[in-house]
Amino acid sequence: MQIQFTKMQGIGNDFVVIDAINQPVSLTPEQARHIADRHFGVGCDQILLVEPPRNQDVAFRYRILNADGSEVAQCGNGARCFARFVRDKGLTDRDEFPVETQDGLMILGIQPDGQVRVNMGAPRLAPADIPFRAEAQAVTYPLEVDGETLTVGVVSMGNPHAVLSVADVAAAPVTALGPRIEHHARFPQRTNVGFMEVVDAGRLRLRVWERGAGETLACGSGACAAVVSGRLQGLLGERVAVDLPGGQLIIEWQGGDAPVYLTGPATTVFEGSIEL
């Protein structure tokens, strides 16, 4: 099976985007891992599939496969690349459109300057909705890791996130703590892990250990989760610039049940095909 693909990136978070509308595509986890392999495949953090919708009210179904072959419900940087892809390929001529995801509908909008704004929906904070094992909802939770008690914010943006505040994100133990928290027993579906340094009410620095991918240059849903957690702790305002290793995203959240908005660039790197 030969598959045509487009390699894209959103501030360094890179994706293999596949049109599964105009070509037959059915990937096994092994095939997904092969595509994502940076030595023997194309190389990417995640694979994005553009599929026909199951819901007739939307134009597309948006699916996300991690580099380890697992499927997840949400990826903000991927959503921006998805929007740019379907416009560039002529699959839609609309500036704003809803797409179907594993977690429900998502609204994507292409701005006049070419940036993509994503309505990520309202954050989920109830432990059962994340999912996270806790007796009651709280702004932060103690988490025991290797005999040390950490303080984490826990948020779902369609995928689970643990957020830790750190004094210096450059020195944060991302590769040491990230996998331990990802696989912690209190996260039954594993979790993404954000290490957040608040600069001021309108800016933070962030590194993210992504579930199933490891540390990436950027994580859109992770940026959203960090801002939500920081807002709930009284550290951040309604509009926050989030500096990640790959670049900057703008996150907006008014609080409560309001949706979180994510704005940033999406860029095509190259086109290709791979034999599976």
Foldseek 3Di string as FASTA:
>chain_A
DKFWWFWKFFLFQIETEGECDVPPDDDALVRLLQQCDVPRHVHGQKYWYWAQDPDPQFGTAIWIAGNSSHTAFDFPRVVFQVVVVCCVVVVDVDQWTWYQTPQGIKIWGQDPVRKIKIFLFFKDFFCVVQPFDDPGTDLWDWDAFPNDTFIWGWIHSSHIETEGEDQDQVPDPQQVVQVRQQPPPRPVNGHKYKYWYQPAQAEIEIWIQGRRRGTTQDTQVRVQSNNLSCVSVVGHDQWHWYQGNSGIWIWGDPDDRHTIMIIGHMGTDGIDMDDD
